[in-house]
Amino acid sequence: KYKGIPRRFRANTKVTRCTIKSRTVGATLN
């Protein structure tokens, strides 16, 4: 929500870092 209005944001990105979680499933991406 931006200025009280729901907004959709889209972007093309590149993964600069990926950290795999040790205690749960998944990863943290920069």
mmCIF file of all heavy atoms, coordinates in Angstrom:
data_MODEL
# 
_entry.id   MODEL 
# 
loop_
_atom_site.group_PDB 
_atom_site.id 
_atom_site.type_symbol 
_atom_site.label_atom_id 
_atom_site.label_alt_id 
_atom_site.label_comp_id 
_atom_site.label_asym_id 
_atom_site.label_entity_id 
_atom_site.label_seq_id 
_atom_site.pdbx_PDB_ins_code 
_atom_site.Cartn_x 
_atom_site.Cartn_y 
_atom_site.Cartn_z 
_atom_site.occupancy 
_atom_site.B_iso_or_equiv 
_atom_site.pdbx_formal_charge 
_atom_site.auth_seq_id 
_atom_site.auth_comp_id 
_atom_site.auth_asym_id 
_atom_site.auth_atom_id 
_atom_site.pdbx_PDB_model_num 
ATOM 1   N N   . LYS A 1 1  ? 0.858  -1.179  0.000   1.00 0.00 ? 1  LYS A N   1 
ATOM 2   C CA  . LYS A 1 1  ? 0.000  0.000   0.000   1.00 0.00 ? 1  LYS A CA  1 
ATOM 3   C C   . LYS A 1 1  ? 0.894  1.229   0.000   1.00 0.00 ? 1  LYS A C   1 
ATOM 4   O O   . LYS A 1 1  ? 1.804  1.343   0.813   1.00 0.00 ? 1  LYS A O   1 
ATOM 5   C CB  . LYS A 1 1  ? -0.881 0.001   1.237   1.00 0.00 ? 1  LYS A CB  1 
ATOM 6   C CG  . LYS A 1 1  ? -2.315 0.237   0.948   1.00 0.00 ? 1  LYS A CG  1 
ATOM 7   C CD  . LYS A 1 1  ? -3.140 0.195   2.205   1.00 0.00 ? 1  LYS A CD  1 
ATOM 8   C CE  . LYS A 1 1  ? -4.441 -0.490  1.867   1.00 0.00 ? 1  LYS A CE  1 
ATOM 9   N NZ  . LYS A 1 1  ? -5.383 -0.454  2.951   1.00 0.00 ? 1  LYS A NZ  1 
ATOM 10  N N   . TYR A 1 2  ? 0.665  2.127   -0.927  1.00 0.00 ? 2  TYR A N   1 
ATOM 11  C CA  . TYR A 1 2  ? 1.424  3.368   -1.029  1.00 0.00 ? 2  TYR A CA  1 
ATOM 12  C C   . TYR A 1 2  ? 0.443  4.517   -1.143  1.00 0.00 ? 2  TYR A C   1 
ATOM 13  O O   . TYR A 1 2  ? -0.393 4.521   -2.048  1.00 0.00 ? 2  TYR A O   1 
ATOM 14  C CB  . TYR A 1 2  ? 2.376  3.315   -2.222  1.00 0.00 ? 2  TYR A CB  1 
ATOM 15  C CG  . TYR A 1 2  ? 3.145  4.588   -2.440  1.00 0.00 ? 2  TYR A CG  1 
ATOM 16  C CD1 . TYR A 1 2  ? 4.027  5.061   -1.485  1.00 0.00 ? 2  TYR A CD1 1 
ATOM 17  C CD2 . TYR A 1 2  ? 2.960  5.332   -3.591  1.00 0.00 ? 2  TYR A CD2 1 
ATOM 18  C CE1 . TYR A 1 2  ? 4.726  6.237   -1.682  1.00 0.00 ? 2  TYR A CE1 1 
ATOM 19  C CE2 . TYR A 1 2  ? 3.659  6.509   -3.804  1.00 0.00 ? 2  TYR A CE2 1 
ATOM 20  C CZ  . TYR A 1 2  ? 4.534  6.956   -2.836  1.00 0.00 ? 2  TYR A CZ  1 
ATOM 21  O OH  . TYR A 1 2  ? 5.230  8.126   -3.022  1.00 0.00 ? 2  TYR A OH  1 
ATOM 22  N N   . LYS A 1 3  ? 0.507  5.455   -0.194  1.00 0.00 ? 3  LYS A N   1 
ATOM 23  C CA  . LYS A 1 3  ? -0.423 6.585   -0.124  1.00 0.00 ? 3  LYS A CA  1 
ATOM 24  C C   . LYS A 1 3  ? -1.868 6.096   -0.071  1.00 0.00 ? 3  LYS A C   1 
ATOM 25  O O   . LYS A 1 3  ? -2.764 6.653   -0.701  1.00 0.00 ? 3  LYS A O   1 
ATOM 26  C CB  . LYS A 1 3  ? -0.215 7.549   -1.292  1.00 0.00 ? 3  LYS A CB  1 
ATOM 27  C CG  . LYS A 1 3  ? 1.127  8.254   -1.256  1.00 0.00 ? 3  LYS A CG  1 
ATOM 28  C CD  . LYS A 1 3  ? 1.221  9.305   -2.339  1.00 0.00 ? 3  LYS A CD  1 
ATOM 29  C CE  . LYS A 1 3  ? 2.553  10.044  -2.226  1.00 0.00 ? 3  LYS A CE  1 
ATOM 30  N NZ  . LYS A 1 3  ? 2.701  11.091  -3.220  1.00 0.00 ? 3  LYS A NZ  1 
ATOM 31  N N   . GLY A 1 4  ? -2.077 4.996   0.673   1.00 0.00 ? 4  GLY A N   1 
ATOM 32  C CA  . GLY A 1 4  ? -3.416 4.451   0.871   1.00 0.00 ? 4  GLY A CA  1 
ATOM 33  C C   . GLY A 1 4  ? -3.976 3.655   -0.285  1.00 0.00 ? 4  GLY A C   1 
ATOM 34  O O   . GLY A 1 4  ? -5.104 3.192   -0.229  1.00 0.00 ? 4  GLY A O   1 
ATOM 35  N N   . ILE A 1 5  ? -3.189 3.489   -1.332  1.00 0.00 ? 5  ILE A N   1 
ATOM 36  C CA  . ILE A 1 5  ? -3.658 2.776   -2.518  1.00 0.00 ? 5  ILE A CA  1 
ATOM 37  C C   . ILE A 1 5  ? -2.828 1.509   -2.698  1.00 0.00 ? 5  ILE A C   1 
ATOM 38  O O   . ILE A 1 5  ? -1.598 1.572   -2.713  1.00 0.00 ? 5  ILE A O   1 
ATOM 39  C CB  . ILE A 1 5  ? -3.517 3.661   -3.780  1.00 0.00 ? 5  ILE A CB  1 
ATOM 40  C CG1 . ILE A 1 5  ? -4.324 4.946   -3.616  1.00 0.00 ? 5  ILE A CG1 1 
ATOM 41  C CG2 . ILE A 1 5  ? -3.954 2.904   -5.025  1.00 0.00 ? 5  ILE A CG2 1 
ATOM 42  C CD1 . ILE A 1 5  ? -4.030 5.986   -4.669  1.00 0.00 ? 5  ILE A CD1 1 
ATOM 43  N N   . PRO A 1 6  ? -3.479 0.340   -2.843  1.00 0.00 ? 6  PRO A N   1 
ATOM 44  C CA  . PRO A 1 6  ? -2.713 -0.888  -3.104  1.00 0.00 ? 6  PRO A CA  1 
ATOM 45  C C   . PRO A 1 6  ? -1.985 -0.774  -4.444  1.00 0.00 ? 6  PRO A C   1 
ATOM 46  O O   . PRO A 1 6  ? -2.563 -0.352  -5.447  1.00 0.00 ? 6  PRO A O   1 
ATOM 47  C CB  . PRO A 1 6  ? -3.777 -1.983  -3.160  1.00 0.00 ? 6  PRO A CB  1 
ATOM 48  C CG  . PRO A 1 6  ? -4.984 -1.400  -2.513  1.00 0.00 ? 6  PRO A CG  1 
ATOM 49  C CD  . PRO A 1 6  ? -4.900 0.084   -2.708  1.00 0.00 ? 6  PRO A CD  1 
ATOM 50  N N   . ARG A 1 7  ? -0.691 -1.117  -4.436  1.00 0.00 ? 7  ARG A N   1 
ATOM 51  C CA  . ARG A 1 7  ? 0.118  -1.028  -5.656  1.00 0.00 ? 7  ARG A CA  1 
ATOM 52  C C   . ARG A 1 7  ? 0.785  -2.368  -5.927  1.00 0.00 ? 7  ARG A C   1 
ATOM 53  O O   . ARG A 1 7  ? 1.115  -3.102  -5.009  1.00 0.00 ? 7  ARG A O   1 
ATOM 54  C CB  . ARG A 1 7  ? 1.237  0.004   -5.482  1.00 0.00 ? 7  ARG A CB  1 
ATOM 55  C CG  . ARG A 1 7  ? 0.816  1.434   -5.308  1.00 0.00 ? 7  ARG A CG  1 
ATOM 56  C CD  . ARG A 1 7  ? 0.639  2.185   -6.607  1.00 0.00 ? 7  ARG A CD  1 
ATOM 57  N NE  . ARG A 1 7  ? 1.712  2.013   -7.552  1.00 0.00 ? 7  ARG A NE  1 
ATOM 58  C CZ  . ARG A 1 7  ? 2.642  2.913   -7.839  1.00 0.00 ? 7  ARG A CZ  1 
ATOM 59  N NH1 . ARG A 1 7  ? 2.634  4.065   -7.222  1.00 0.00 ? 7  ARG A NH1 1 
ATOM 60  N NH2 . ARG A 1 7  ? 3.564  2.672   -8.746  1.00 0.00 ? 7  ARG A NH2 1 
ATOM 61  N N   . ARG A 1 8  ? 1.006  -2.660  -7.181  1.00 0.00 ? 8  ARG A N   1 
ATOM 62  C CA  . ARG A 1 8  ? 1.745  -3.843  -7.588  1.00 0.00 ? 8  ARG A CA  1 
ATOM 63  C C   . ARG A 1 8  ? 3.085  -3.376  -8.139  1.00 0.00 ? 8  ARG A C   1 
ATOM 64  O O   . ARG A 1 8  ? 3.139  -2.501  -9.014  1.00 0.00 ? 8  ARG A O   1 
ATOM 65  C CB  . ARG A 1 8  ? 0.977  -4.607  -8.658  1.00 0.00 ? 8  ARG A CB  1 
ATOM 66  C CG  . ARG A 1 8  ? 1.732  -5.823  -9.162  1.00 0.00 ? 8  ARG A CG  1 
ATOM 67  C CD  . ARG A 1 8  ? 0.955  -6.563  -10.186 1.00 0.00 ? 8  ARG A CD  1 
ATOM 68  N NE  . ARG A 1 8  ? 0.836  -5.728  -11.387 1.00 0.00 ? 8  ARG A NE  1 
ATOM 69  C CZ  . ARG A 1 8  ? 0.119  -6.043  -12.444 1.00 0.00 ? 8  ARG A CZ  1 
ATOM 70  N NH1 . ARG A 1 8  ? -0.592 -7.156  -12.440 1.00 0.00 ? 8  ARG A NH1 1 
ATOM 71  N NH2 . ARG A 1 8  ? 0.067  -5.252  -13.485 1.00 0.00 ? 8  ARG A NH2 1 
ATOM 72  N N   . PHE A 1 9  ? 4.147  -3.932  -7.616  1.00 0.00 ? 9  PHE A N   1 
ATOM 73  C CA  . PHE A 1 9  ? 5.494  -3.602  -8.063  1.00 0.00 ? 9  PHE A CA  1 
ATOM 74  C C   . PHE A 1 9  ? 6.090  -4.816  -8.760  1.00 0.00 ? 9  PHE A C   1 
ATOM 75  O O   . PHE A 1 9  ? 5.992  -5.932  -8.251  1.00 0.00 ? 9  PHE A O   1 
ATOM 76  C CB  . PHE A 1 9  ? 6.382  -3.216  -6.876  1.00 0.00 ? 9  PHE A CB  1 
ATOM 77  C CG  . PHE A 1 9  ? 5.942  -1.974  -6.167  1.00 0.00 ? 9  PHE A CG  1 
ATOM 78  C CD1 . PHE A 1 9  ? 5.060  -2.034  -5.108  1.00 0.00 ? 9  PHE A CD1 1 
ATOM 79  C CD2 . PHE A 1 9  ? 6.412  -0.741  -6.570  1.00 0.00 ? 9  PHE A CD2 1 
ATOM 80  C CE1 . PHE A 1 9  ? 4.651  -0.886  -4.449  1.00 0.00 ? 9  PHE A CE1 1 
ATOM 81  C CE2 . PHE A 1 9  ? 6.011  0.419   -5.914  1.00 0.00 ? 9  PHE A CE2 1 
ATOM 82  C CZ  . PHE A 1 9  ? 5.126  0.332   -4.860  1.00 0.00 ? 9  PHE A CZ  1 
ATOM 83  N N   . ARG A 1 10 ? 6.700  -4.593  -9.900  1.00 0.00 ? 10 ARG A N   1 
ATOM 84  C CA  . ARG A 1 10 ? 7.381  -5.660  -10.646 1.00 0.00 ? 10 ARG A CA  1 
ATOM 85  C C   . ARG A 1 10 ? 8.804  -5.216  -10.937 1.00 0.00 ? 10 ARG A C   1 
ATOM 86  O O   . ARG A 1 10 ? 9.056  -4.037  -11.180 1.00 0.00 ? 10 ARG A O   1 
ATOM 87  C CB  . ARG A 1 10 ? 6.684  -5.936  -11.968 1.00 0.00 ? 10 ARG A CB  1 
ATOM 88  C CG  . ARG A 1 10 ? 5.338  -6.555  -11.836 1.00 0.00 ? 10 ARG A CG  1 
ATOM 89  C CD  . ARG A 1 10 ? 4.757  -6.783  -13.207 1.00 0.00 ? 10 ARG A CD  1 
ATOM 90  N NE  . ARG A 1 10 ? 3.499  -7.486  -13.124 1.00 0.00 ? 10 ARG A NE  1 
ATOM 91  C CZ  . ARG A 1 10 ? 2.753  -7.760  -14.158 1.00 0.00 ? 10 ARG A CZ  1 
ATOM 92  N NH1 . ARG A 1 10 ? 3.124  -7.384  -15.363 1.00 0.00 ? 10 ARG A NH1 1 
ATOM 93  N NH2 . ARG A 1 10 ? 1.628  -8.417  -14.010 1.00 0.00 ? 10 ARG A NH2 1 
ATOM 94  N N   . ALA A 1 11 ? 9.715  -6.184  -10.932 1.00 0.00 ? 11 ALA A N   1 
ATOM 95  C CA  . ALA A 1 11 ? 11.107 -5.861  -11.240 1.00 0.00 ? 11 ALA A CA  1 
ATOM 96  C C   . ALA A 1 11 ? 11.828 -7.095  -11.766 1.00 0.00 ? 11 ALA A C   1 
ATOM 97  O O   . ALA A 1 11 ? 11.511 -8.225  -11.384 1.00 0.00 ? 11 ALA A O   1 
ATOM 98  C CB  . ALA A 1 11 ? 11.824 -5.353  -9.999  1.00 0.00 ? 11 ALA A CB  1 
ATOM 99  N N   . ASN A 1 12 ? 12.776 -6.855  -12.648 1.00 0.00 ? 12 ASN A N   1 
ATOM 100 C CA  . ASN A 1 12 ? 13.719 -7.887  -13.060 1.00 0.00 ? 12 ASN A CA  1 
ATOM 101 C C   . ASN A 1 12 ? 14.947 -7.726  -12.184 1.00 0.00 ? 12 ASN A C   1 
ATOM 102 O O   . ASN A 1 12 ? 15.478 -6.621  -12.060 1.00 0.00 ? 12 ASN A O   1 
ATOM 103 C CB  . ASN A 1 12 ? 14.102 -7.732  -14.531 1.00 0.00 ? 12 ASN A CB  1 
ATOM 104 C CG  . ASN A 1 12 ? 12.934 -8.007  -15.450 1.00 0.00 ? 12 ASN A CG  1 
ATOM 105 O OD1 . ASN A 1 12 ? 12.068 -8.801  -15.133 1.00 0.00 ? 12 ASN A OD1 1 
ATOM 106 N ND2 . ASN A 1 12 ? 12.898 -7.330  -16.577 1.00 0.00 ? 12 ASN A ND2 1 
ATOM 107 N N   . THR A 1 13 ? 15.364 -8.811  -11.543 1.00 0.00 ? 13 THR A N   1 
ATOM 108 C CA  . THR A 1 13 ? 16.455 -8.744  -10.589 1.00 0.00 ? 13 THR A CA  1 
ATOM 109 C C   . THR A 1 13 ? 17.517 -9.791  -10.887 1.00 0.00 ? 13 THR A C   1 
ATOM 110 O O   . THR A 1 13 ? 17.301 -10.703 -11.683 1.00 0.00 ? 13 THR A O   1 
ATOM 111 C CB  . THR A 1 13 ? 15.946 -8.953  -9.148  1.00 0.00 ? 13 THR A CB  1 
ATOM 112 O OG1 . THR A 1 13 ? 15.436 -10.287 -9.026  1.00 0.00 ? 13 THR A OG1 1 
ATOM 113 C CG2 . THR A 1 13 ? 14.863 -7.962  -8.786  1.00 0.00 ? 13 THR A CG2 1 
ATOM 114 N N   . LYS A 1 14 ? 18.651 -9.638  -10.212 1.00 0.00 ? 14 LYS A N   1 
ATOM 115 C CA  . LYS A 1 14 ? 19.731 -10.621 -10.291 1.00 0.00 ? 14 LYS A CA  1 
ATOM 116 C C   . LYS A 1 14 ? 20.089 -11.016 -8.866  1.00 0.00 ? 14 LYS A C   1 
ATOM 117 O O   . LYS A 1 14 ? 20.186 -10.167 -7.975  1.00 0.00 ? 14 LYS A O   1 
ATOM 118 C CB  . LYS A 1 14 ? 20.954 -10.036 -10.987 1.00 0.00 ? 14 LYS A CB  1 
ATOM 119 C CG  . LYS A 1 14 ? 22.097 -11.045 -11.161 1.00 0.00 ? 14 LYS A CG  1 
ATOM 120 C CD  . LYS A 1 14 ? 23.219 -10.464 -11.977 1.00 0.00 ? 14 LYS A CD  1 
ATOM 121 C CE  . LYS A 1 14 ? 22.800 -10.466 -13.412 1.00 0.00 ? 14 LYS A CE  1 
ATOM 122 N NZ  . LYS A 1 14 ? 23.620 -11.182 -14.331 1.00 0.00 ? 14 LYS A NZ  1 
ATOM 123 N N   . VAL A 1 15 ? 20.281 -12.318 -8.635  1.00 0.00 ? 15 VAL A N   1 
ATOM 124 C CA  . VAL A 1 15 ? 20.663 -12.812 -7.318  1.00 0.00 ? 15 VAL A CA  1 
ATOM 125 C C   . VAL A 1 15 ? 22.130 -12.451 -7.069  1.00 0.00 ? 15 VAL A C   1 
ATOM 126 O O   . VAL A 1 15 ? 23.009 -12.849 -7.827  1.00 0.00 ? 15 VAL A O   1 
ATOM 127 C CB  . VAL A 1 15 ? 20.458 -14.338 -7.209  1.00 0.00 ? 15 VAL A CB  1 
ATOM 128 C CG1 . VAL A 1 15 ? 20.920 -14.856 -5.848  1.00 0.00 ? 15 VAL A CG1 1 
ATOM 129 C CG2 . VAL A 1 15 ? 19.006 -14.710 -7.456  1.00 0.00 ? 15 VAL A CG2 1 
ATOM 130 N N   . THR A 1 16 ? 22.380 -11.666 -6.009  1.00 0.00 ? 16 THR A N   1 
ATOM 131 C CA  . THR A 1 16 ? 23.759 -11.285 -5.676  1.00 0.00 ? 16 THR A CA  1 
ATOM 132 C C   . THR A 1 16 ? 24.321 -12.126 -4.535  1.00 0.00 ? 16 THR A C   1 
ATOM 133 O O   . THR A 1 16 ? 25.528 -12.210 -4.365  1.00 0.00 ? 16 THR A O   1 
ATOM 134 C CB  . THR A 1 16 ? 23.846 -9.791  -5.290  1.00 0.00 ? 16 THR A CB  1 
ATOM 135 O OG1 . THR A 1 16 ? 22.953 -9.534  -4.208  1.00 0.00 ? 16 THR A OG1 1 
ATOM 136 C CG2 . THR A 1 16 ? 23.479 -8.910  -6.479  1.00 0.00 ? 16 THR A CG2 1 
ATOM 137 N N   . ARG A 1 17 ? 23.415 -12.750 -3.752  1.00 0.00 ? 17 ARG A N   1 
ATOM 138 C CA  . ARG A 1 17 ? 23.848 -13.616 -2.666  1.00 0.00 ? 17 ARG A CA  1 
ATOM 139 C C   . ARG A 1 17 ? 22.694 -14.533 -2.297  1.00 0.00 ? 17 ARG A C   1 
ATOM 140 O O   . ARG A 1 17 ? 21.537 -14.119 -2.310  1.00 0.00 ? 17 ARG A O   1 
ATOM 141 C CB  . ARG A 1 17 ? 24.246 -12.779 -1.460  1.00 0.00 ? 17 ARG A CB  1 
ATOM 142 C CG  . ARG A 1 17 ? 24.749 -13.582 -0.297  1.00 0.00 ? 17 ARG A CG  1 
ATOM 143 C CD  . ARG A 1 17 ? 25.203 -12.674 0.818   1.00 0.00 ? 17 ARG A CD  1 
ATOM 144 N NE  . ARG A 1 17 ? 25.666 -13.486 1.927   1.00 0.00 ? 17 ARG A NE  1 
ATOM 145 C CZ  . ARG A 1 17 ? 26.165 -12.999 3.018   1.00 0.00 ? 17 ARG A CZ  1 
ATOM 146 N NH1 . ARG A 1 17 ? 26.285 -11.693 3.167   1.00 0.00 ? 17 ARG A NH1 1 
ATOM 147 N NH2 . ARG A 1 17 ? 26.560 -13.778 3.983   1.00 0.00 ? 17 ARG A NH2 1 
ATOM 148 N N   . CYS A 1 18 ? 23.011 -15.777 -1.956  1.00 0.00 ? 18 CYS A N   1 
ATOM 149 C CA  . CYS A 1 18 ? 21.998 -16.740 -1.539  1.00 0.00 ? 18 CYS A CA  1 
ATOM 150 C C   . CYS A 1 18 ? 22.519 -17.465 -0.309  1.00 0.00 ? 18 CYS A C   1 
ATOM 151 O O   . CYS A 1 18 ? 23.573 -18.093 -0.352  1.00 0.00 ? 18 CYS A O   1 
ATOM 152 C CB  . CYS A 1 18 ? 21.701 -17.728 -2.665  1.00 0.00 ? 18 CYS A CB  1 
ATOM 153 S SG  . CYS A 1 18 ? 20.459 -18.949 -2.218  1.00 0.00 ? 18 CYS A SG  1 
ATOM 154 N N   . THR A 1 19 ? 21.781 -17.373 0.798   1.00 0.00 ? 19 THR A N   1 
ATOM 155 C CA  . THR A 1 19 ? 22.150 -18.048 2.039   1.00 0.00 ? 19 THR A CA  1 
ATOM 156 C C   . THR A 1 19 ? 21.094 -19.102 2.341   1.00 0.00 ? 19 THR A C   1 
ATOM 157 O O   . THR A 1 19 ? 19.915 -18.772 2.517   1.00 0.00 ? 19 THR A O   1 
ATOM 158 C CB  . THR A 1 19 ? 22.229 -17.043 3.203   1.00 0.00 ? 19 THR A CB  1 
ATOM 159 O OG1 . THR A 1 19 ? 23.111 -15.981 2.840   1.00 0.00 ? 19 THR A OG1 1 
ATOM 160 C CG2 . THR A 1 19 ? 22.709 -17.709 4.473   1.00 0.00 ? 19 THR A CG2 1 
ATOM 161 N N   . ILE A 1 20 ? 21.513 -20.361 2.382   1.00 0.00 ? 20 ILE A N   1 
ATOM 162 C CA  . ILE A 1 20 ? 20.586 -21.455 2.671   1.00 0.00 ? 20 ILE A CA  1 
ATOM 163 C C   . ILE A 1 20 ? 20.369 -21.520 4.179   1.00 0.00 ? 20 ILE A C   1 
ATOM 164 O O   . ILE A 1 20 ? 21.323 -21.477 4.959   1.00 0.00 ? 20 ILE A O   1 
ATOM 165 C CB  . ILE A 1 20 ? 21.139 -22.788 2.136   1.00 0.00 ? 20 ILE A CB  1 
ATOM 166 C CG1 . ILE A 1 20 ? 21.284 -22.695 0.613   1.00 0.00 ? 20 ILE A CG1 1 
ATOM 167 C CG2 . ILE A 1 20 ? 20.230 -23.944 2.532   1.00 0.00 ? 20 ILE A CG2 1 
ATOM 168 C CD1 . ILE A 1 20 ? 21.997 -23.870 -0.010  1.00 0.00 ? 20 ILE A CD1 1 
ATOM 169 N N   . LYS A 1 21 ? 19.114 -21.621 4.589   1.00 0.00 ? 21 LYS A N   1 
ATOM 170 C CA  . LYS A 1 21 ? 18.780 -21.696 6.006   1.00 0.00 ? 21 LYS A CA  1 
ATOM 171 C C   . LYS A 1 21 ? 19.146 -23.076 6.550   1.00 0.00 ? 21 LYS A C   1 
ATOM 172 O O   . LYS A 1 21 ? 18.918 -24.085 5.895   1.00 0.00 ? 21 LYS A O   1 
ATOM 173 C CB  . LYS A 1 21 ? 17.300 -21.429 6.216   1.00 0.00 ? 21 LYS A CB  1 
ATOM 174 C CG  . LYS A 1 21 ? 16.876 -20.043 5.806   1.00 0.00 ? 21 LYS A CG  1 
ATOM 175 C CD  . LYS A 1 21 ? 15.405 -19.864 6.041   1.00 0.00 ? 21 LYS A CD  1 
ATOM 176 C CE  . LYS A 1 21 ? 14.953 -18.501 5.610   1.00 0.00 ? 21 LYS A CE  1 
ATOM 177 N NZ  . LYS A 1 21 ? 13.530 -18.305 5.835   1.00 0.00 ? 21 LYS A NZ  1 
ATOM 178 N N   . SER A 1 22 ? 19.707 -23.127 7.759   1.00 0.00 ? 22 SER A N   1 
ATOM 179 C CA  . SER A 1 22 ? 20.135 -24.399 8.319   1.00 0.00 ? 22 SER A CA  1 
ATOM 180 C C   . SER A 1 22 ? 19.051 -25.076 9.157   1.00 0.00 ? 22 SER A C   1 
ATOM 181 O O   . SER A 1 22 ? 19.027 -26.287 9.278   1.00 0.00 ? 22 SER A O   1 
ATOM 182 C CB  . SER A 1 22 ? 21.396 -24.206 9.166   1.00 0.00 ? 22 SER A CB  1 
ATOM 183 O OG  . SER A 1 22 ? 21.136 -23.333 10.239  1.00 0.00 ? 22 SER A OG  1 
ATOM 184 N N   . ARG A 1 23 ? 18.137 -24.303 9.735   1.00 0.00 ? 23 ARG A N   1 
ATOM 185 C CA  . ARG A 1 23 ? 17.136 -24.896 10.626  1.00 0.00 ? 23 ARG A CA  1 
ATOM 186 C C   . ARG A 1 23 ? 15.758 -25.038 9.984   1.00 0.00 ? 23 ARG A C   1 
ATOM 187 O O   . ARG A 1 23 ? 14.918 -25.766 10.479  1.00 0.00 ? 23 ARG A O   1 
ATOM 188 C CB  . ARG A 1 23 ? 17.018 -24.073 11.894  1.00 0.00 ? 23 ARG A CB  1 
ATOM 189 C CG  . ARG A 1 23 ? 18.301 -24.055 12.685  1.00 0.00 ? 23 ARG A CG  1 
ATOM 190 C CD  . ARG A 1 23 ? 18.104 -23.320 13.992  1.00 0.00 ? 23 ARG A CD  1 
ATOM 191 N NE  . ARG A 1 23 ? 19.377 -23.135 14.654  1.00 0.00 ? 23 ARG A NE  1 
ATOM 192 C CZ  . ARG A 1 23 ? 19.820 -23.910 15.623  1.00 0.00 ? 23 ARG A CZ  1 
ATOM 193 N NH1 . ARG A 1 23 ? 19.098 -24.913 16.030  1.00 0.00 ? 23 ARG A NH1 1 
ATOM 194 N NH2 . ARG A 1 23 ? 20.993 -23.676 16.175  1.00 0.00 ? 23 ARG A NH2 1 
ATOM 195 N N   . THR A 1 24 ? 15.510 -24.328 8.914   1.00 0.00 ? 24 THR A N   1 
ATOM 196 C CA  . THR A 1 24 ? 14.209 -24.396 8.252   1.00 0.00 ? 24 THR A CA  1 
ATOM 197 C C   . THR A 1 24 ? 14.436 -24.563 6.750   1.00 0.00 ? 24 THR A C   1 
ATOM 198 O O   . THR A 1 24 ? 15.543 -24.449 6.247   1.00 0.00 ? 24 THR A O   1 
ATOM 199 C CB  . THR A 1 24 ? 13.386 -23.110 8.489   1.00 0.00 ? 24 THR A CB  1 
ATOM 200 O OG1 . THR A 1 24 ? 14.114 -22.001 7.988   1.00 0.00 ? 24 THR A OG1 1 
ATOM 201 C CG2 . THR A 1 24 ? 13.086 -22.908 9.960   1.00 0.00 ? 24 THR A CG2 1 
ATOM 202 N N   . VAL A 1 25 ? 13.360 -24.796 6.051   1.00 0.00 ? 25 VAL A N   1 
ATOM 203 C CA  . VAL A 1 25 ? 13.427 -24.947 4.601   1.00 0.00 ? 25 VAL A CA  1 
ATOM 204 C C   . VAL A 1 25 ? 13.474 -23.569 3.958   1.00 0.00 ? 25 VAL A C   1 
ATOM 205 O O   . VAL A 1 25 ? 12.777 -22.656 4.386   1.00 0.00 ? 25 VAL A O   1 
ATOM 206 C CB  . VAL A 1 25 ? 12.197 -25.732 4.091   1.00 0.00 ? 25 VAL A CB  1 
ATOM 207 C CG1 . VAL A 1 25 ? 12.183 -25.801 2.576   1.00 0.00 ? 25 VAL A CG1 1 
ATOM 208 C CG2 . VAL A 1 25 ? 12.153 -27.113 4.701   1.00 0.00 ? 25 VAL A CG2 1 
ATOM 209 N N   . GLY A 1 26 ? 14.294 -23.414 2.948   1.00 0.00 ? 26 GLY A N   1 
ATOM 210 C CA  . GLY A 1 26 ? 14.315 -22.160 2.206   1.00 0.00 ? 26 GLY A CA  1 
ATOM 211 C C   . GLY A 1 26 ? 15.671 -21.498 2.201   1.00 0.00 ? 26 GLY A C   1 
ATOM 212 O O   . GLY A 1 26 ? 16.674 -22.058 2.640   1.00 0.00 ? 26 GLY A O   1 
ATOM 213 N N   . ALA A 1 27 ? 15.683 -20.277 1.678   1.00 0.00 ? 27 ALA A N   1 
ATOM 214 C CA  . ALA A 1 27 ? 16.914 -19.514 1.545   1.00 0.00 ? 27 ALA A CA  1 
ATOM 215 C C   . ALA A 1 27 ? 16.599 -18.024 1.638   1.00 0.00 ? 27 ALA A C   1 
ATOM 216 O O   . ALA A 1 27 ? 15.469 -17.601 1.414   1.00 0.00 ? 27 ALA A O   1 
ATOM 217 C CB  . ALA A 1 27 ? 17.589 -19.820 0.208   1.00 0.00 ? 27 ALA A CB  1 
ATOM 218 N N   . THR A 1 28 ? 17.621 -17.261 1.977   1.00 0.00 ? 28 THR A N   1 
ATOM 219 C CA  . THR A 1 28 ? 17.519 -15.804 1.969   1.00 0.00 ? 28 THR A CA  1 
ATOM 220 C C   . THR A 1 28 ? 18.292 -15.305 0.763   1.00 0.00 ? 28 THR A C   1 
ATOM 221 O O   . THR A 1 28 ? 19.472 -15.636 0.597   1.00 0.00 ? 28 THR A O   1 
ATOM 222 C CB  . THR A 1 28 ? 18.107 -15.207 3.262   1.00 0.00 ? 28 THR A CB  1 
ATOM 223 O OG1 . THR A 1 28 ? 17.374 -15.730 4.367   1.00 0.00 ? 28 THR A OG1 1 
ATOM 224 C CG2 . THR A 1 28 ? 17.988 -13.696 3.254   1.00 0.00 ? 28 THR A CG2 1 
ATOM 225 N N   . LEU A 1 29 ? 17.630 -14.536 -0.089  1.00 0.00 ? 29 LEU A N   1 
ATOM 226 C CA  . LEU A 1 29 ? 18.257 -14.027 -1.309  1.00 0.00 ? 29 LEU A CA  1 
ATOM 227 C C   . LEU A 1 29 ? 18.500 -12.531 -1.190  1.00 0.00 ? 29 LEU A C   1 
ATOM 228 O O   . LEU A 1 29 ? 17.640 -11.796 -0.704  1.00 0.00 ? 29 LEU A O   1 
ATOM 229 C CB  . LEU A 1 29 ? 17.352 -14.262 -2.523  1.00 0.00 ? 29 LEU A CB  1 
ATOM 230 C CG  . LEU A 1 29 ? 16.920 -15.689 -2.832  1.00 0.00 ? 29 LEU A CG  1 
ATOM 231 C CD1 . LEU A 1 29 ? 15.980 -15.689 -4.029  1.00 0.00 ? 29 LEU A CD1 1 
ATOM 232 C CD2 . LEU A 1 29 ? 18.116 -16.571 -3.101  1.00 0.00 ? 29 LEU A CD2 1 
ATOM 233 N N   . ASN A 1 30 ? 19.653 -12.089 -1.611  1.00 0.00 ? 30 ASN A N   1 
ATOM 234 C CA  . ASN A 1 30 ? 19.914 -10.663 -1.806  1.00 0.00 ? 30 ASN A CA  1 
ATOM 235 C C   . ASN A 1 30 ? 19.785 -10.421 -3.301  1.00 0.00 ? 30 ASN A C   1 
ATOM 236 O O   . ASN A 1 30 ? 20.408 -11.129 -4.104  1.00 0.00 ? 30 ASN A O   1 
ATOM 237 C CB  . ASN A 1 30 ? 21.311 -10.283 -1.332  1.00 0.00 ? 30 ASN A CB  1 
ATOM 238 C CG  . ASN A 1 30 ? 21.447 -10.333 0.170   1.00 0.00 ? 30 ASN A CG  1 
ATOM 239 O OD1 . ASN A 1 30 ? 20.551 -10.761 0.876   1.00 0.00 ? 30 ASN A OD1 1 
ATOM 240 N ND2 . ASN A 1 30 ? 22.584 -9.903  0.653   1.00 0.00 ? 30 ASN A ND2 1 
# 
